[in-house]
N, C-alpha and C. Protein backbone atom coordinates (compact mmCIF):
# COMPACT_ATOMS: atom_id res chain seq x y z
N UNK A 1 28.42 -22.43 -1.93
CA UNK A 1 29.06 -21.59 -2.94
C UNK A 1 28.04 -20.61 -3.50
N UNK A 2 28.56 -19.48 -3.88
CA UNK A 2 27.73 -18.43 -4.48
C UNK A 2 28.50 -17.86 -5.67
N UNK A 3 27.78 -17.52 -6.74
CA UNK A 3 28.41 -16.95 -7.93
C UNK A 3 27.83 -15.56 -8.17
N UNK A 4 28.71 -14.58 -8.26
CA UNK A 4 28.30 -13.21 -8.58
C UNK A 4 28.74 -12.89 -9.99
N UNK A 5 27.89 -12.21 -10.73
CA UNK A 5 28.19 -11.84 -12.11
C UNK A 5 28.22 -10.32 -12.22
N UNK A 6 29.20 -9.80 -12.96
CA UNK A 6 29.36 -8.36 -13.10
C UNK A 6 28.97 -7.90 -14.49
N UNK A 7 28.36 -6.72 -14.55
CA UNK A 7 28.07 -6.11 -15.85
C UNK A 7 29.33 -5.51 -16.46
N UNK A 8 30.25 -5.09 -15.60
CA UNK A 8 31.51 -4.53 -16.05
C UNK A 8 32.65 -5.37 -15.48
N UNK A 9 33.88 -5.05 -15.83
CA UNK A 9 35.03 -5.80 -15.33
C UNK A 9 35.16 -5.63 -13.82
N UNK A 10 35.55 -6.73 -13.11
CA UNK A 10 35.80 -6.66 -11.68
C UNK A 10 37.14 -6.01 -11.43
N UNK A 11 37.21 -5.18 -10.40
CA UNK A 11 38.47 -4.59 -9.96
C UNK A 11 39.04 -5.52 -8.88
N UNK A 12 40.09 -6.26 -9.22
CA UNK A 12 40.63 -7.26 -8.30
C UNK A 12 41.06 -6.67 -6.96
N UNK A 13 41.68 -5.50 -6.97
CA UNK A 13 42.12 -4.89 -5.72
C UNK A 13 40.93 -4.56 -4.81
N UNK A 14 39.85 -4.09 -5.40
CA UNK A 14 38.67 -3.76 -4.60
C UNK A 14 38.00 -5.02 -4.04
N UNK A 15 37.99 -6.07 -4.84
CA UNK A 15 37.42 -7.33 -4.37
C UNK A 15 38.20 -7.83 -3.17
N UNK A 16 39.51 -7.87 -3.31
CA UNK A 16 40.35 -8.37 -2.22
C UNK A 16 40.20 -7.50 -0.96
N UNK A 17 40.12 -6.20 -1.13
CA UNK A 17 39.94 -5.30 0.01
C UNK A 17 38.58 -5.56 0.68
N UNK A 18 37.56 -5.80 -0.11
CA UNK A 18 36.23 -6.08 0.44
C UNK A 18 36.22 -7.39 1.21
N UNK A 19 36.88 -8.42 0.68
CA UNK A 19 36.94 -9.70 1.38
C UNK A 19 37.74 -9.55 2.68
N UNK A 20 38.82 -8.78 2.64
CA UNK A 20 39.58 -8.52 3.88
C UNK A 20 38.68 -7.89 4.94
N UNK A 21 37.85 -6.95 4.54
CA UNK A 21 36.94 -6.29 5.49
C UNK A 21 35.91 -7.28 6.03
N UNK A 22 35.42 -8.15 5.18
CA UNK A 22 34.47 -9.17 5.64
C UNK A 22 35.13 -10.06 6.68
N UNK A 23 36.39 -10.45 6.44
CA UNK A 23 37.10 -11.29 7.39
C UNK A 23 37.34 -10.59 8.72
N UNK A 24 37.62 -9.31 8.66
CA UNK A 24 37.81 -8.57 9.90
C UNK A 24 36.51 -8.49 10.69
N UNK A 25 35.40 -8.37 10.00
CA UNK A 25 34.10 -8.28 10.66
C UNK A 25 33.59 -9.64 11.14
N UNK A 26 34.02 -10.72 10.47
CA UNK A 26 33.54 -12.07 10.79
C UNK A 26 34.72 -13.03 10.89
N UNK A 27 35.49 -12.97 11.96
CA UNK A 27 36.67 -13.82 12.09
C UNK A 27 36.37 -15.31 12.09
N UNK A 28 35.12 -15.71 12.33
CA UNK A 28 34.77 -17.14 12.29
C UNK A 28 34.97 -17.74 10.91
N UNK A 29 35.01 -16.91 9.87
CA UNK A 29 35.28 -17.43 8.53
C UNK A 29 36.66 -18.06 8.43
N UNK A 30 37.55 -17.70 9.32
CA UNK A 30 38.89 -18.26 9.32
C UNK A 30 39.15 -19.12 10.54
N UNK A 31 38.14 -19.85 10.99
CA UNK A 31 38.28 -20.68 12.17
C UNK A 31 39.34 -21.77 11.95
N UNK A 32 40.21 -21.91 12.94
CA UNK A 32 41.24 -22.96 12.95
C UNK A 32 40.77 -24.03 13.92
N UNK A 33 40.83 -25.29 13.51
CA UNK A 33 40.45 -26.41 14.37
C UNK A 33 41.69 -27.21 14.73
N UNK A 34 41.85 -27.44 16.04
CA UNK A 34 43.03 -28.15 16.53
C UNK A 34 42.61 -29.27 17.47
N UNK A 35 43.29 -30.42 17.38
CA UNK A 35 42.98 -31.49 18.33
C UNK A 35 43.35 -31.05 19.74
N UNK A 36 42.48 -31.39 20.70
CA UNK A 36 42.69 -30.96 22.08
C UNK A 36 42.10 -32.01 23.01
N UNK A 37 42.95 -32.83 23.62
CA UNK A 37 42.52 -33.85 24.58
C UNK A 37 41.37 -34.70 24.05
N UNK A 38 41.56 -35.27 22.89
CA UNK A 38 40.56 -36.18 22.33
C UNK A 38 39.36 -35.51 21.71
N UNK A 39 39.38 -34.21 21.59
CA UNK A 39 38.28 -33.45 21.00
C UNK A 39 38.89 -32.42 20.06
N UNK A 40 38.09 -31.49 19.62
CA UNK A 40 38.58 -30.41 18.75
C UNK A 40 38.33 -29.08 19.42
N UNK A 41 39.33 -28.24 19.40
CA UNK A 41 39.19 -26.86 19.88
C UNK A 41 39.20 -25.95 18.65
N UNK A 42 38.51 -24.85 18.74
CA UNK A 42 38.49 -23.91 17.61
C UNK A 42 38.89 -22.52 18.09
N UNK A 43 39.49 -21.78 17.17
CA UNK A 43 39.88 -20.41 17.44
C UNK A 43 39.96 -19.67 16.11
N UNK A 44 39.75 -18.35 16.13
CA UNK A 44 39.95 -17.59 14.89
C UNK A 44 41.44 -17.53 14.56
N UNK A 45 41.76 -17.29 13.33
CA UNK A 45 43.16 -17.14 12.97
C UNK A 45 43.50 -17.55 11.56
N UNK A 46 42.58 -18.17 10.86
CA UNK A 46 42.85 -18.57 9.48
C UNK A 46 42.64 -17.43 8.50
N UNK A 47 42.76 -17.75 7.25
CA UNK A 47 42.59 -16.73 6.22
C UNK A 47 41.89 -17.33 5.03
N UNK A 48 41.83 -16.64 3.94
CA UNK A 48 41.08 -17.07 2.77
C UNK A 48 42.01 -17.25 1.58
N UNK A 49 41.52 -17.99 0.59
CA UNK A 49 42.28 -18.26 -0.63
C UNK A 49 41.72 -17.43 -1.78
N UNK A 50 42.61 -16.97 -2.64
CA UNK A 50 42.25 -16.16 -3.80
C UNK A 50 42.85 -16.79 -5.05
N UNK A 51 42.09 -16.80 -6.13
CA UNK A 51 42.61 -17.30 -7.41
C UNK A 51 41.95 -16.54 -8.56
N UNK A 52 42.74 -16.33 -9.58
CA UNK A 52 42.20 -15.86 -10.87
C UNK A 52 42.34 -17.06 -11.80
N UNK A 53 41.21 -17.58 -12.20
CA UNK A 53 41.20 -18.81 -13.00
C UNK A 53 41.53 -18.52 -14.46
N UNK A 54 42.17 -19.47 -15.14
CA UNK A 54 42.46 -19.30 -16.56
C UNK A 54 41.18 -19.35 -17.40
N UNK A 55 41.24 -18.82 -18.61
CA UNK A 55 40.05 -18.83 -19.48
C UNK A 55 39.53 -20.25 -19.68
N UNK A 56 38.21 -20.36 -19.69
CA UNK A 56 37.57 -21.65 -19.96
C UNK A 56 37.26 -22.48 -18.74
N UNK A 57 37.74 -22.08 -17.56
CA UNK A 57 37.44 -22.84 -16.34
C UNK A 57 35.96 -22.66 -16.00
N UNK A 58 35.30 -23.77 -15.72
CA UNK A 58 33.88 -23.71 -15.38
C UNK A 58 33.71 -23.36 -13.90
N UNK A 59 32.52 -22.96 -13.56
CA UNK A 59 32.19 -22.66 -12.16
C UNK A 59 32.39 -23.91 -11.31
N UNK A 60 31.95 -25.05 -11.79
CA UNK A 60 32.08 -26.30 -11.05
C UNK A 60 33.55 -26.63 -10.79
N UNK A 61 34.41 -26.42 -11.78
CA UNK A 61 35.84 -26.68 -11.60
C UNK A 61 36.45 -25.72 -10.59
N UNK A 62 36.05 -24.46 -10.64
CA UNK A 62 36.55 -23.48 -9.68
C UNK A 62 36.15 -23.88 -8.26
N UNK A 63 34.92 -24.33 -8.07
CA UNK A 63 34.46 -24.76 -6.75
C UNK A 63 35.26 -25.97 -6.28
N UNK A 64 35.50 -26.92 -7.17
CA UNK A 64 36.30 -28.10 -6.80
C UNK A 64 37.71 -27.69 -6.38
N UNK A 65 38.32 -26.75 -7.10
CA UNK A 65 39.65 -26.27 -6.74
C UNK A 65 39.65 -25.57 -5.39
N UNK A 66 38.63 -24.77 -5.15
CA UNK A 66 38.53 -24.07 -3.88
C UNK A 66 38.41 -25.06 -2.73
N UNK A 67 37.52 -26.01 -2.86
CA UNK A 67 37.31 -26.99 -1.79
C UNK A 67 38.56 -27.83 -1.55
N UNK A 68 39.33 -28.09 -2.59
CA UNK A 68 40.57 -28.87 -2.43
C UNK A 68 41.59 -28.12 -1.57
N UNK A 69 41.49 -26.79 -1.51
CA UNK A 69 42.40 -25.99 -0.69
C UNK A 69 41.97 -25.87 0.77
N UNK A 70 40.73 -26.22 1.06
CA UNK A 70 40.23 -26.09 2.42
C UNK A 70 41.03 -26.96 3.37
N UNK A 71 41.37 -26.38 4.52
CA UNK A 71 42.15 -27.09 5.53
C UNK A 71 41.72 -26.58 6.89
N UNK A 72 41.03 -27.41 7.64
CA UNK A 72 40.50 -26.97 8.94
C UNK A 72 41.61 -26.71 9.95
N UNK A 73 42.78 -27.30 9.76
CA UNK A 73 43.87 -27.10 10.72
C UNK A 73 44.61 -25.77 10.50
N UNK A 74 44.47 -25.18 9.34
CA UNK A 74 45.09 -23.88 9.10
C UNK A 74 44.06 -22.76 9.05
N UNK A 75 42.79 -23.13 9.05
CA UNK A 75 41.74 -22.12 9.00
C UNK A 75 41.46 -21.60 7.61
N UNK A 76 41.92 -22.31 6.60
CA UNK A 76 41.59 -21.91 5.23
C UNK A 76 40.28 -22.61 4.86
N UNK A 77 39.18 -21.89 5.11
CA UNK A 77 37.85 -22.46 4.90
C UNK A 77 36.97 -21.56 4.04
N UNK A 78 37.57 -20.59 3.41
CA UNK A 78 36.83 -19.63 2.57
C UNK A 78 37.69 -19.32 1.36
N UNK A 79 37.09 -19.35 0.18
CA UNK A 79 37.86 -19.12 -1.04
C UNK A 79 37.07 -18.26 -2.01
N UNK A 80 37.81 -17.46 -2.77
CA UNK A 80 37.23 -16.58 -3.78
C UNK A 80 38.02 -16.78 -5.07
N UNK A 81 37.29 -16.98 -6.17
CA UNK A 81 37.94 -17.13 -7.47
C UNK A 81 37.29 -16.20 -8.47
N UNK A 82 38.12 -15.51 -9.22
CA UNK A 82 37.65 -14.67 -10.32
C UNK A 82 37.73 -15.47 -11.60
N UNK A 83 36.63 -15.52 -12.32
CA UNK A 83 36.59 -16.16 -13.63
C UNK A 83 36.41 -15.05 -14.66
N UNK A 84 37.53 -14.55 -15.21
CA UNK A 84 37.43 -13.46 -16.19
C UNK A 84 36.70 -13.94 -17.44
N UNK A 85 35.99 -13.05 -18.03
CA UNK A 85 35.28 -13.40 -19.26
C UNK A 85 34.26 -12.35 -19.59
N UNK A 86 33.28 -12.77 -20.32
CA UNK A 86 32.23 -11.86 -20.69
C UNK A 86 30.89 -12.53 -20.38
N UNK A 87 30.36 -12.37 -19.21
CA UNK A 87 30.76 -11.44 -18.16
C UNK A 87 31.77 -12.07 -17.18
N UNK A 88 32.43 -11.20 -16.39
CA UNK A 88 33.26 -11.68 -15.29
C UNK A 88 32.35 -12.33 -14.25
N UNK A 89 32.87 -13.39 -13.63
CA UNK A 89 32.13 -14.05 -12.55
C UNK A 89 33.05 -14.19 -11.35
N UNK A 90 32.46 -14.10 -10.17
CA UNK A 90 33.19 -14.26 -8.93
C UNK A 90 32.55 -15.41 -8.18
N UNK A 91 33.36 -16.43 -7.85
CA UNK A 91 32.87 -17.61 -7.16
C UNK A 91 33.36 -17.55 -5.71
N UNK A 92 32.42 -17.57 -4.77
CA UNK A 92 32.75 -17.56 -3.34
C UNK A 92 32.28 -18.88 -2.74
N UNK A 93 33.18 -19.55 -2.03
CA UNK A 93 32.85 -20.83 -1.41
C UNK A 93 33.32 -20.80 0.03
N UNK A 94 32.45 -21.24 0.94
CA UNK A 94 32.77 -21.29 2.36
C UNK A 94 32.46 -22.69 2.87
N UNK A 95 33.33 -23.20 3.73
CA UNK A 95 33.13 -24.50 4.33
C UNK A 95 32.02 -24.42 5.38
N UNK A 96 31.27 -25.48 5.51
CA UNK A 96 30.23 -25.54 6.54
C UNK A 96 30.81 -25.48 7.93
N UNK A 97 32.10 -25.79 8.10
CA UNK A 97 32.73 -25.80 9.42
C UNK A 97 32.76 -24.42 10.08
N UNK A 98 32.82 -23.36 9.28
CA UNK A 98 32.92 -22.03 9.89
C UNK A 98 31.61 -21.26 9.86
N UNK A 99 30.57 -21.81 9.29
CA UNK A 99 29.31 -21.07 9.22
C UNK A 99 28.58 -20.98 10.56
N UNK A 100 28.79 -21.94 11.45
CA UNK A 100 28.11 -21.92 12.74
C UNK A 100 28.51 -20.75 13.61
N UNK A 101 29.72 -20.20 13.41
CA UNK A 101 30.18 -19.09 14.24
C UNK A 101 29.79 -17.71 13.73
N UNK A 102 29.12 -17.64 12.59
CA UNK A 102 28.74 -16.34 12.04
C UNK A 102 27.44 -15.86 12.66
N UNK A 103 27.42 -14.56 12.94
CA UNK A 103 26.19 -13.97 13.47
C UNK A 103 25.81 -12.77 12.65
């Protein structure tokens, strides 16, 4: 997990567009794992989760929520949460399952 802090308010549309571009450049972030003859096969095809957390949510709680959404069979292995406040914070969490395919 990584936490980014902004000096000004985050523009949610720009964040989402930037994450979409990252996914297009690195499809391994959305790796789908499927059982295949007693083993696991992998392929790109998953996507990422987005949340705007309610006031007062801690970074640790946001990370726990993100990890609870991870599902290797659907390829949801990357999550981004906006924690509005003063300052705004952006929490990015990626599963270790998809990091091996990044170059």
